[in-house]
N, C-alpha and C. Protein backbone atom coordinates (compact mmCIF):
# COMPACT_ATOMS: atom_id res chain seq x y z
N MET A 1 0.82 -1.22 -0.02
CA MET A 1 0.00 -0.03 0.02
C MET A 1 0.87 1.29 0.03
N ASN A 2 2.08 1.17 0.63
CA ASN A 2 2.93 2.34 0.69
C ASN A 2 3.39 2.76 -0.73
N GLU A 3 3.63 1.70 -1.57
CA GLU A 3 4.08 1.94 -2.95
C GLU A 3 3.01 2.70 -3.71
N PHE A 4 1.74 2.27 -3.49
CA PHE A 4 0.59 2.91 -4.19
C PHE A 4 0.59 4.41 -3.83
N TRP A 5 0.74 4.76 -2.54
CA TRP A 5 0.69 6.13 -2.09
C TRP A 5 1.88 6.92 -2.62
N LEU A 6 3.00 6.32 -2.66
CA LEU A 6 4.21 6.98 -3.24
C LEU A 6 3.99 7.46 -4.62
N TRP A 7 3.55 6.55 -5.50
CA TRP A 7 3.30 6.84 -6.90
C TRP A 7 2.10 7.76 -7.08
N PHE A 8 1.10 7.58 -6.27
CA PHE A 8 -0.09 8.46 -6.33
C PHE A 8 0.33 9.87 -5.98
N THR A 9 1.10 10.04 -4.93
CA THR A 9 1.60 11.37 -4.54
C THR A 9 2.39 12.02 -5.66
N MET A 10 3.23 11.25 -6.27
CA MET A 10 4.05 11.72 -7.39
C MET A 10 3.17 12.26 -8.55
N GLY A 11 2.12 11.45 -8.88
CA GLY A 11 1.27 11.88 -9.93
C GLY A 11 0.46 13.14 -9.59
N PHE A 12 -0.03 13.17 -8.34
CA PHE A 12 -0.80 14.27 -7.84
C PHE A 12 0.07 15.50 -7.86
N GLN A 13 1.28 15.46 -7.35
CA GLN A 13 2.17 16.60 -7.32
C GLN A 13 2.63 17.07 -8.66
N HIS A 14 2.77 16.08 -9.54
CA HIS A 14 3.15 16.41 -10.95
C HIS A 14 2.14 17.36 -11.61
N ILE A 15 0.92 16.93 -11.54
CA ILE A 15 -0.10 17.81 -12.23
C ILE A 15 -0.26 19.15 -11.61
N LEU A 16 -0.06 19.28 -10.30
CA LEU A 16 -0.25 20.52 -9.58
C LEU A 16 1.06 21.30 -9.51
N ASP A 17 2.18 20.74 -9.92
CA ASP A 17 3.46 21.47 -9.81
C ASP A 17 3.47 22.65 -10.81
N TRP A 18 3.84 23.76 -10.34
CA TRP A 18 3.80 24.97 -11.24
C TRP A 18 4.84 24.84 -12.35
N ASN A 19 5.88 23.95 -12.16
CA ASN A 19 6.81 23.73 -13.27
C ASN A 19 6.14 23.02 -14.43
N GLY A 20 5.02 22.34 -14.23
CA GLY A 20 4.29 21.71 -15.32
C GLY A 20 3.02 22.53 -15.60
N TYR A 21 3.20 23.84 -15.56
CA TYR A 21 1.97 24.72 -15.73
C TYR A 21 1.32 24.61 -17.07
N ASP A 22 2.01 24.03 -18.08
CA ASP A 22 1.30 23.87 -19.33
C ASP A 22 0.12 22.92 -19.21
N HIS A 23 0.23 21.94 -18.38
CA HIS A 23 -0.98 20.99 -18.16
C HIS A 23 -2.08 21.65 -17.37
N ILE A 24 -1.62 22.47 -16.40
CA ILE A 24 -2.59 23.27 -15.59
C ILE A 24 -3.40 24.20 -16.50
N LEU A 25 -2.65 24.87 -17.39
CA LEU A 25 -3.27 25.85 -18.28
C LEU A 25 -4.27 25.10 -19.20
N TYR A 26 -3.90 23.91 -19.69
CA TYR A 26 -4.84 23.19 -20.67
C TYR A 26 -6.14 22.86 -19.84
N VAL A 27 -6.00 22.28 -18.65
CA VAL A 27 -7.18 21.91 -17.89
C VAL A 27 -8.05 23.16 -17.63
N MET A 28 -7.44 24.34 -17.37
CA MET A 28 -8.12 25.55 -17.07
C MET A 28 -8.96 25.95 -18.33
N VAL A 29 -8.36 25.86 -19.50
CA VAL A 29 -9.11 26.29 -20.69
C VAL A 29 -10.13 25.28 -21.14
N LEU A 30 -9.97 24.05 -20.68
CA LEU A 30 -10.99 23.02 -20.88
C LEU A 30 -12.25 23.36 -20.09
N CYS A 31 -12.01 23.83 -18.86
CA CYS A 31 -13.12 24.10 -17.94
C CYS A 31 -13.86 25.42 -18.16
N VAL A 32 -13.23 26.39 -18.73
CA VAL A 32 -13.72 27.75 -18.69
C VAL A 32 -15.09 27.91 -19.40
N LEU A 33 -15.43 27.09 -20.41
CA LEU A 33 -16.67 27.21 -21.08
C LEU A 33 -17.86 26.72 -20.25
N PHE A 34 -17.64 26.03 -19.15
CA PHE A 34 -18.67 25.31 -18.47
C PHE A 34 -19.04 26.09 -17.21
N SER A 35 -20.35 26.09 -16.87
CA SER A 35 -20.91 26.61 -15.61
C SER A 35 -21.04 25.43 -14.69
N ILE A 36 -21.31 25.70 -13.44
CA ILE A 36 -21.53 24.67 -12.41
C ILE A 36 -22.70 23.81 -12.79
N LYS A 37 -23.67 24.34 -13.47
CA LYS A 37 -24.90 23.51 -13.87
C LYS A 37 -24.51 22.58 -15.00
N GLU A 38 -23.46 22.77 -15.64
CA GLU A 38 -23.01 21.86 -16.80
C GLU A 38 -21.90 20.91 -16.32
N TRP A 39 -21.85 20.61 -15.03
CA TRP A 39 -20.72 19.78 -14.51
C TRP A 39 -20.71 18.45 -15.17
N LYS A 40 -21.85 17.85 -15.62
CA LYS A 40 -21.89 16.48 -16.18
C LYS A 40 -21.20 16.57 -17.57
N SER A 41 -21.46 17.62 -18.34
CA SER A 41 -20.84 17.75 -19.64
C SER A 41 -19.34 17.97 -19.46
N LEU A 42 -18.97 18.78 -18.48
CA LEU A 42 -17.53 18.96 -18.19
C LEU A 42 -16.85 17.70 -17.79
N LEU A 43 -17.58 16.87 -16.92
CA LEU A 43 -17.03 15.60 -16.52
C LEU A 43 -16.77 14.63 -17.69
N VAL A 44 -17.63 14.67 -18.67
CA VAL A 44 -17.44 13.82 -19.89
C VAL A 44 -16.26 14.34 -20.61
N LEU A 45 -16.10 15.69 -20.77
CA LEU A 45 -15.01 16.24 -21.44
C LEU A 45 -13.65 15.88 -20.76
N ILE A 46 -13.63 16.05 -19.49
CA ILE A 46 -12.40 15.69 -18.71
C ILE A 46 -12.11 14.19 -18.85
N THR A 47 -13.17 13.40 -18.89
CA THR A 47 -12.98 11.95 -19.02
C THR A 47 -12.41 11.61 -20.39
N ALA A 48 -12.79 12.35 -21.41
CA ALA A 48 -12.20 12.15 -22.76
C ALA A 48 -10.70 12.46 -22.74
N PHE A 49 -10.30 13.54 -22.06
CA PHE A 49 -8.92 13.89 -21.96
C PHE A 49 -8.16 12.86 -21.13
N THR A 50 -8.81 12.38 -20.05
CA THR A 50 -8.21 11.37 -19.21
C THR A 50 -8.01 10.03 -20.00
N ILE A 51 -8.95 9.63 -20.79
CA ILE A 51 -8.77 8.42 -21.54
C ILE A 51 -7.58 8.52 -22.49
N GLY A 52 -7.58 9.70 -23.13
CA GLY A 52 -6.45 9.96 -24.11
C GLY A 52 -5.17 9.90 -23.49
N HIS A 53 -4.95 10.63 -22.34
CA HIS A 53 -3.60 10.65 -21.71
C HIS A 53 -3.28 9.37 -20.94
N SER A 54 -4.32 8.63 -20.49
CA SER A 54 -4.03 7.41 -19.81
C SER A 54 -3.56 6.36 -20.82
N LEU A 55 -4.15 6.27 -22.01
CA LEU A 55 -3.71 5.35 -23.06
C LEU A 55 -2.23 5.58 -23.49
N THR A 56 -1.88 6.83 -23.75
CA THR A 56 -0.60 7.07 -24.21
C THR A 56 0.48 7.00 -23.07
N LEU A 57 0.04 7.32 -21.87
CA LEU A 57 0.96 7.18 -20.71
C LEU A 57 1.24 5.66 -20.54
N ALA A 58 0.28 4.82 -20.65
CA ALA A 58 0.55 3.34 -20.54
C ALA A 58 1.37 2.84 -21.73
N ALA A 59 0.96 3.27 -22.97
CA ALA A 59 1.67 2.77 -24.10
C ALA A 59 3.19 3.20 -24.13
N SER A 60 3.38 4.37 -23.63
CA SER A 60 4.78 4.85 -23.56
C SER A 60 5.53 4.14 -22.46
N ALA A 61 4.89 3.97 -21.27
CA ALA A 61 5.49 3.27 -20.18
C ALA A 61 5.89 1.82 -20.48
N PHE A 62 5.08 1.16 -21.29
CA PHE A 62 5.32 -0.18 -21.74
C PHE A 62 6.15 -0.23 -23.03
N HIS A 63 6.63 0.87 -23.47
CA HIS A 63 7.57 0.97 -24.70
C HIS A 63 6.80 0.56 -25.93
N ILE A 64 5.52 0.76 -26.01
CA ILE A 64 4.78 0.44 -27.20
C ILE A 64 4.91 1.59 -28.27
N ILE A 65 4.94 2.83 -27.74
CA ILE A 65 5.12 3.98 -28.63
C ILE A 65 6.27 4.87 -28.06
N ALA A 66 6.94 5.56 -28.90
CA ALA A 66 7.94 6.52 -28.47
C ALA A 66 8.02 7.62 -29.44
N ILE A 67 7.87 8.84 -28.95
CA ILE A 67 8.01 10.02 -29.77
C ILE A 67 9.02 10.90 -29.10
N LYS A 68 9.84 11.53 -29.91
CA LYS A 68 10.88 12.40 -29.44
C LYS A 68 10.29 13.47 -28.45
N GLN A 69 10.86 13.66 -27.30
CA GLN A 69 10.28 14.48 -26.24
C GLN A 69 10.20 15.90 -26.75
N SER A 70 11.21 16.38 -27.47
CA SER A 70 11.12 17.82 -27.97
C SER A 70 9.97 18.05 -28.87
N ILE A 71 9.52 17.07 -29.61
CA ILE A 71 8.31 17.23 -30.50
C ILE A 71 7.07 17.34 -29.66
N ILE A 72 6.95 16.47 -28.62
CA ILE A 72 5.79 16.53 -27.72
C ILE A 72 5.77 17.86 -27.01
N GLU A 73 6.90 18.35 -26.51
CA GLU A 73 6.97 19.63 -25.82
C GLU A 73 6.49 20.78 -26.67
N VAL A 74 6.65 20.65 -28.03
CA VAL A 74 6.15 21.71 -28.89
C VAL A 74 4.67 21.53 -29.15
N LEU A 75 4.24 20.30 -29.22
CA LEU A 75 2.79 19.98 -29.49
C LEU A 75 1.88 20.36 -28.31
N ILE A 76 2.39 20.28 -27.09
CA ILE A 76 1.51 20.53 -25.93
C ILE A 76 1.02 22.01 -25.95
N PRO A 77 1.88 23.03 -26.20
CA PRO A 77 1.32 24.38 -26.27
C PRO A 77 0.35 24.56 -27.47
N LEU A 78 0.57 23.77 -28.53
CA LEU A 78 -0.33 23.84 -29.65
C LEU A 78 -1.74 23.40 -29.24
N THR A 79 -1.81 22.34 -28.40
CA THR A 79 -3.12 21.91 -27.89
C THR A 79 -3.80 22.96 -27.09
N ILE A 80 -3.02 23.73 -26.35
CA ILE A 80 -3.61 24.80 -25.57
C ILE A 80 -4.06 25.92 -26.43
N ILE A 81 -3.23 26.31 -27.44
CA ILE A 81 -3.55 27.39 -28.39
C ILE A 81 -4.85 27.05 -29.10
N THR A 82 -4.97 25.80 -29.58
CA THR A 82 -6.15 25.39 -30.33
C THR A 82 -7.37 25.50 -29.44
N THR A 83 -7.31 24.99 -28.20
CA THR A 83 -8.42 25.03 -27.34
C THR A 83 -8.83 26.45 -26.96
N CYS A 84 -7.88 27.29 -26.74
CA CYS A 84 -8.13 28.73 -26.51
C CYS A 84 -8.89 29.39 -27.68
N LEU A 85 -8.41 29.11 -28.89
CA LEU A 85 -9.12 29.69 -30.08
C LEU A 85 -10.49 29.17 -30.24
N SER A 86 -10.65 27.88 -29.96
CA SER A 86 -11.97 27.25 -29.98
C SER A 86 -12.94 27.89 -28.96
N ASN A 87 -12.39 28.04 -27.73
CA ASN A 87 -13.22 28.75 -26.71
C ASN A 87 -13.69 30.16 -27.11
N ILE A 88 -12.72 30.85 -27.70
CA ILE A 88 -13.08 32.26 -28.07
C ILE A 88 -14.08 32.25 -29.22
N TYR A 89 -13.95 31.33 -30.10
CA TYR A 89 -14.92 31.26 -31.23
C TYR A 89 -16.28 30.85 -30.67
N PHE A 90 -16.39 29.90 -29.79
CA PHE A 90 -17.69 29.42 -29.25
C PHE A 90 -18.24 30.14 -28.03
N ARG A 91 -17.56 31.24 -27.64
CA ARG A 91 -17.94 31.88 -26.37
C ARG A 91 -19.38 32.39 -26.34
N ASN A 92 -19.93 32.78 -27.47
CA ASN A 92 -21.25 33.35 -27.52
C ASN A 92 -22.32 32.34 -28.10
N LYS A 93 -21.84 31.15 -28.45
CA LYS A 93 -22.76 30.21 -28.98
C LYS A 93 -23.71 29.53 -27.99
N GLN A 94 -24.98 29.46 -28.34
CA GLN A 94 -25.91 28.82 -27.46
C GLN A 94 -25.61 27.37 -27.31
N ARG A 95 -25.36 26.77 -28.49
CA ARG A 95 -25.09 25.29 -28.46
C ARG A 95 -23.65 25.10 -28.83
N ILE A 96 -22.81 24.67 -27.91
CA ILE A 96 -21.43 24.34 -28.15
C ILE A 96 -21.41 22.92 -28.82
N ASN A 97 -20.58 22.74 -29.75
CA ASN A 97 -20.41 21.49 -30.38
C ASN A 97 -19.63 20.57 -29.46
N TYR A 98 -20.33 19.88 -28.55
CA TYR A 98 -19.68 19.08 -27.47
C TYR A 98 -18.89 17.94 -28.13
N GLN A 99 -19.47 17.27 -29.13
CA GLN A 99 -18.77 16.17 -29.85
C GLN A 99 -17.39 16.61 -30.31
N PHE A 100 -17.33 17.86 -30.93
CA PHE A 100 -16.03 18.35 -31.37
C PHE A 100 -15.13 18.54 -30.24
N ASN A 101 -15.60 19.12 -29.12
CA ASN A 101 -14.79 19.32 -27.95
C ASN A 101 -14.24 18.03 -27.38
N TYR A 102 -15.18 17.02 -27.32
CA TYR A 102 -14.73 15.70 -26.72
C TYR A 102 -13.67 15.07 -27.61
N ALA A 103 -13.83 15.16 -28.96
CA ALA A 103 -12.83 14.53 -29.87
C ALA A 103 -11.48 15.29 -29.70
N LEU A 104 -11.53 16.60 -29.63
CA LEU A 104 -10.27 17.36 -29.43
C LEU A 104 -9.63 16.96 -28.07
N ALA A 105 -10.41 16.87 -27.02
CA ALA A 105 -9.85 16.55 -25.72
C ALA A 105 -9.25 15.17 -25.71
N LEU A 106 -9.91 14.19 -26.36
CA LEU A 106 -9.29 12.87 -26.49
C LEU A 106 -7.95 12.91 -27.23
N LEU A 107 -8.00 13.51 -28.39
CA LEU A 107 -6.73 13.67 -29.20
C LEU A 107 -5.63 14.40 -28.40
N PHE A 108 -5.99 15.47 -27.81
CA PHE A 108 -4.98 16.25 -27.06
C PHE A 108 -4.53 15.48 -25.80
N GLY A 109 -5.39 14.62 -25.30
CA GLY A 109 -4.98 13.81 -24.17
C GLY A 109 -3.83 12.89 -24.57
N PHE A 110 -3.95 12.37 -25.80
CA PHE A 110 -2.80 11.51 -26.28
C PHE A 110 -1.45 12.29 -26.20
N ILE A 111 -1.46 13.52 -26.59
CA ILE A 111 -0.29 14.31 -26.58
C ILE A 111 0.20 14.61 -25.15
N HIS A 112 -0.71 15.01 -24.30
CA HIS A 112 -0.33 15.31 -22.92
C HIS A 112 0.08 14.02 -22.24
N GLY A 113 -0.46 12.88 -22.52
CA GLY A 113 -0.01 11.60 -21.92
C GLY A 113 1.42 11.32 -22.27
N MET A 114 1.81 11.65 -23.48
CA MET A 114 3.29 11.45 -23.85
C MET A 114 4.11 12.36 -22.97
N GLY A 115 3.61 13.64 -22.71
CA GLY A 115 4.38 14.55 -21.85
C GLY A 115 4.49 14.00 -20.40
N PHE A 116 3.39 13.44 -19.91
CA PHE A 116 3.48 12.83 -18.49
C PHE A 116 4.41 11.65 -18.51
N SER A 117 4.45 10.91 -19.62
CA SER A 117 5.20 9.62 -19.59
C SER A 117 6.72 9.85 -19.45
N TYR A 118 7.27 10.95 -19.91
CA TYR A 118 8.67 11.24 -19.83
C TYR A 118 9.07 11.31 -18.35
N MET A 119 8.25 11.99 -17.59
CA MET A 119 8.54 12.16 -16.15
C MET A 119 8.39 10.81 -15.45
N LEU A 120 7.33 10.07 -15.82
CA LEU A 120 7.08 8.76 -15.16
C LEU A 120 8.24 7.80 -15.50
N LYS A 121 8.63 7.75 -16.73
CA LYS A 121 9.71 6.77 -17.10
C LYS A 121 11.02 7.17 -16.47
N SER A 122 11.28 8.45 -16.24
CA SER A 122 12.49 8.82 -15.54
C SER A 122 12.44 8.41 -14.06
N LEU A 123 11.28 8.39 -13.41
CA LEU A 123 11.17 8.00 -12.09
C LEU A 123 11.16 6.48 -11.93
N LEU A 124 10.63 5.78 -12.94
CA LEU A 124 10.53 4.31 -12.85
C LEU A 124 11.94 3.67 -12.86
N GLY A 125 12.83 4.24 -13.63
CA GLY A 125 14.21 3.68 -13.70
C GLY A 125 14.14 2.22 -14.20
N LYS A 126 14.63 1.34 -13.34
CA LYS A 126 14.61 -0.10 -13.67
C LYS A 126 13.66 -0.91 -12.80
N GLU A 127 12.52 -0.31 -12.54
CA GLU A 127 11.45 -1.00 -11.84
C GLU A 127 11.17 -2.32 -12.59
N GLU A 128 10.98 -3.41 -11.82
CA GLU A 128 10.61 -4.62 -12.47
C GLU A 128 9.17 -4.63 -12.88
N SER A 129 8.30 -4.25 -12.02
CA SER A 129 6.84 -4.23 -12.31
C SER A 129 6.43 -2.81 -12.40
N ILE A 130 5.89 -2.36 -13.53
CA ILE A 130 5.47 -1.02 -13.71
C ILE A 130 3.97 -0.82 -13.64
N LEU A 131 3.21 -1.89 -13.50
CA LEU A 131 1.73 -1.75 -13.52
C LEU A 131 1.22 -0.94 -12.33
N LEU A 132 1.67 -1.30 -11.10
CA LEU A 132 1.24 -0.58 -9.92
C LEU A 132 1.66 0.87 -9.95
N PRO A 133 2.93 1.16 -10.25
CA PRO A 133 3.33 2.59 -10.34
C PRO A 133 2.58 3.34 -11.39
N LEU A 134 2.32 2.71 -12.56
CA LEU A 134 1.61 3.34 -13.62
C LEU A 134 0.19 3.68 -13.22
N LEU A 135 -0.45 2.74 -12.63
CA LEU A 135 -1.88 2.91 -12.21
C LEU A 135 -1.95 3.97 -11.08
N SER A 136 -1.04 3.92 -10.10
CA SER A 136 -1.05 4.83 -8.97
C SER A 136 -0.77 6.26 -9.43
N PHE A 137 0.28 6.38 -10.27
CA PHE A 137 0.63 7.67 -10.85
C PHE A 137 -0.53 8.32 -11.59
N ASN A 138 -1.19 7.48 -12.38
CA ASN A 138 -2.32 8.04 -13.22
C ASN A 138 -3.47 8.45 -12.35
N ILE A 139 -3.75 7.66 -11.29
CA ILE A 139 -4.83 8.05 -10.36
C ILE A 139 -4.44 9.34 -9.65
N GLY A 140 -3.20 9.52 -9.28
CA GLY A 140 -2.78 10.81 -8.69
C GLY A 140 -2.95 11.95 -9.66
N LEU A 141 -2.57 11.71 -10.93
CA LEU A 141 -2.83 12.77 -11.94
C LEU A 141 -4.33 13.15 -11.98
N GLU A 142 -5.17 12.16 -11.93
CA GLU A 142 -6.61 12.42 -12.08
C GLU A 142 -7.14 13.23 -10.93
N VAL A 143 -6.73 12.81 -9.74
CA VAL A 143 -7.22 13.51 -8.54
C VAL A 143 -6.70 14.96 -8.56
N GLY A 144 -5.46 15.18 -8.97
CA GLY A 144 -4.95 16.57 -9.11
C GLY A 144 -5.66 17.38 -10.21
N GLN A 145 -5.98 16.67 -11.27
CA GLN A 145 -6.81 17.34 -12.37
C GLN A 145 -8.14 17.73 -11.86
N LEU A 146 -8.79 16.89 -11.04
CA LEU A 146 -10.14 17.19 -10.57
C LEU A 146 -10.01 18.39 -9.56
N CYS A 147 -8.97 18.49 -8.86
CA CYS A 147 -8.80 19.71 -8.01
C CYS A 147 -8.72 20.95 -8.90
N ILE A 148 -8.07 20.88 -9.99
CA ILE A 148 -7.99 22.11 -10.88
C ILE A 148 -9.40 22.34 -11.45
N VAL A 149 -10.11 21.36 -11.92
CA VAL A 149 -11.46 21.49 -12.40
C VAL A 149 -12.39 22.15 -11.30
N SER A 150 -12.30 21.63 -10.08
CA SER A 150 -13.16 22.12 -9.04
C SER A 150 -12.82 23.61 -8.74
N ALA A 151 -11.56 23.95 -8.64
CA ALA A 151 -11.16 25.33 -8.42
C ALA A 151 -11.62 26.26 -9.53
N MET A 152 -11.54 25.84 -10.75
CA MET A 152 -11.98 26.67 -11.86
C MET A 152 -13.45 26.90 -11.83
N LEU A 153 -14.24 25.80 -11.54
CA LEU A 153 -15.67 25.98 -11.47
C LEU A 153 -16.08 26.89 -10.33
N LEU A 154 -15.55 26.70 -9.18
CA LEU A 154 -15.82 27.54 -8.03
C LEU A 154 -15.46 29.00 -8.32
N PHE A 155 -14.31 29.21 -8.90
CA PHE A 155 -13.90 30.55 -9.19
C PHE A 155 -14.80 31.24 -10.17
N SER A 156 -15.20 30.53 -11.21
CA SER A 156 -16.10 31.08 -12.22
C SER A 156 -17.46 31.35 -11.63
N VAL A 157 -17.98 30.48 -10.70
CA VAL A 157 -19.27 30.75 -10.05
C VAL A 157 -19.11 32.05 -9.25
N PHE A 158 -18.06 32.16 -8.50
CA PHE A 158 -17.87 33.38 -7.68
C PHE A 158 -17.87 34.61 -8.58
N LEU A 159 -17.05 34.62 -9.68
CA LEU A 159 -16.93 35.78 -10.53
C LEU A 159 -18.22 36.11 -11.23
N ILE A 160 -18.90 35.15 -11.81
CA ILE A 160 -20.10 35.36 -12.57
C ILE A 160 -21.27 35.84 -11.68
N ARG A 161 -21.35 35.26 -10.48
CA ARG A 161 -22.49 35.64 -9.58
C ARG A 161 -22.26 36.90 -8.81
N PHE A 162 -21.05 37.09 -8.35
CA PHE A 162 -20.82 38.23 -7.40
C PHE A 162 -20.28 39.44 -8.08
N THR A 163 -19.58 39.28 -9.23
CA THR A 163 -19.11 40.48 -9.95
C THR A 163 -19.94 40.85 -11.14
N ARG A 164 -20.86 39.96 -11.38
CA ARG A 164 -21.80 40.11 -12.55
C ARG A 164 -21.10 40.15 -13.88
N ILE A 165 -19.89 39.59 -13.91
CA ILE A 165 -19.20 39.54 -15.24
C ILE A 165 -19.98 38.49 -16.12
N LYS A 166 -20.07 38.90 -17.39
CA LYS A 166 -20.83 37.98 -18.28
C LYS A 166 -19.89 36.75 -18.58
N SER A 167 -20.53 35.63 -18.79
CA SER A 167 -19.89 34.37 -19.01
C SER A 167 -18.95 34.54 -20.20
N ALA A 168 -19.44 35.16 -21.37
CA ALA A 168 -18.68 35.32 -22.52
C ALA A 168 -17.41 36.14 -22.24
N VAL A 169 -17.48 37.09 -21.43
CA VAL A 169 -16.36 37.95 -21.08
C VAL A 169 -15.33 37.12 -20.34
N TRP A 170 -15.79 36.32 -19.39
CA TRP A 170 -14.92 35.45 -18.57
C TRP A 170 -14.19 34.41 -19.45
N VAL A 171 -14.93 33.88 -20.37
CA VAL A 171 -14.29 32.84 -21.29
C VAL A 171 -13.29 33.52 -22.14
N THR A 172 -13.59 34.77 -22.68
CA THR A 172 -12.65 35.44 -23.57
C THR A 172 -11.43 35.87 -22.85
N THR A 173 -11.64 36.34 -21.65
CA THR A 173 -10.52 36.83 -20.77
C THR A 173 -9.49 35.69 -20.43
N VAL A 174 -10.03 34.62 -19.90
CA VAL A 174 -9.17 33.46 -19.55
C VAL A 174 -8.48 32.91 -20.75
N SER A 175 -9.32 32.63 -21.86
CA SER A 175 -8.73 32.04 -23.03
C SER A 175 -7.69 32.87 -23.65
N SER A 176 -7.92 34.23 -23.67
CA SER A 176 -6.97 35.13 -24.28
C SER A 176 -5.67 35.21 -23.53
N ALA A 177 -5.80 35.29 -22.18
CA ALA A 177 -4.57 35.30 -21.33
C ALA A 177 -3.74 34.01 -21.49
N VAL A 178 -4.45 32.81 -21.50
CA VAL A 178 -3.75 31.56 -21.67
C VAL A 178 -3.20 31.47 -23.07
N LEU A 179 -3.89 31.96 -24.10
CA LEU A 179 -3.47 31.98 -25.48
C LEU A 179 -2.05 32.69 -25.60
N ILE A 180 -1.99 33.84 -24.92
CA ILE A 180 -0.66 34.55 -25.00
C ILE A 180 0.47 33.78 -24.37
N ILE A 181 0.18 33.17 -23.22
CA ILE A 181 1.21 32.32 -22.51
C ILE A 181 1.57 31.14 -23.36
N ALA A 182 0.60 30.45 -23.91
CA ALA A 182 0.84 29.26 -24.66
C ALA A 182 1.58 29.56 -25.97
N THR A 183 1.26 30.70 -26.59
CA THR A 183 1.95 31.14 -27.81
C THR A 183 3.43 31.34 -27.53
N TYR A 184 3.74 32.07 -26.36
CA TYR A 184 5.09 32.32 -25.96
C TYR A 184 5.81 30.99 -25.73
N LEU A 185 5.11 30.06 -25.08
CA LEU A 185 5.73 28.78 -24.74
C LEU A 185 5.95 27.98 -26.04
N PHE A 186 5.07 28.09 -26.99
CA PHE A 186 5.24 27.41 -28.25
C PHE A 186 6.53 27.86 -28.98
N ILE A 187 6.58 29.20 -29.06
CA ILE A 187 7.80 29.84 -29.75
C ILE A 187 9.02 29.49 -29.08
N LEU A 188 9.02 29.53 -27.74
CA LEU A 188 10.25 29.17 -26.94
C LEU A 188 10.63 27.75 -27.21
N ARG A 189 9.71 26.83 -27.16
CA ARG A 189 10.03 25.38 -27.39
C ARG A 189 10.37 25.08 -28.83
N LEU A 190 9.78 25.82 -29.74
CA LEU A 190 10.08 25.62 -31.16
C LEU A 190 11.55 25.93 -31.45
N ASN A 191 12.05 26.90 -30.70
CA ASN A 191 13.46 27.29 -30.91
C ASN A 191 14.39 26.19 -30.43
N HIS A 192 13.94 25.26 -29.58
CA HIS A 192 14.74 24.22 -29.04
C HIS A 192 14.67 22.89 -29.73
N LEU A 193 13.91 22.91 -30.82
CA LEU A 193 13.74 21.64 -31.65
C LEU A 193 15.02 21.29 -32.34
């Protein structure tokens, strides 16, 4: 049981570590379109992202797939940029194309999973059995991710209810700020290819 908690804690801390802020930014922009009343739709979206990154995290840990880390590090900010632009485009739409968002979250989950896998593989070293560490690390990532989702939902409820900021303005503000950061990150990482 101690081994489970060790790997769980590593996954939990990894997703919430400010050094991995690109993953935090991505989860934030996934959440910003949703109100507290739409928590079920948001849960489905987060689940699509989770499925994507769980599959590639496992496939990479078991050496089924391997992609050069520098390429993944460039693709991660592109996932954030794309999501920000989608948010800005759909901010005033009455009906958001949820299927499109779910497909993107699943696809982008594959990319983020590869990013998580580099850290996990460096920690695993020469572990004989990687199933328990992989499962525990992934559960830790999910719990940390749900903390980010909860914080975003609560913060948006507070802003929209108590400051009377319109939802579209909130979506545009968050998505635009994250878009600037992600674009800078993309350019920075592109220079290191």
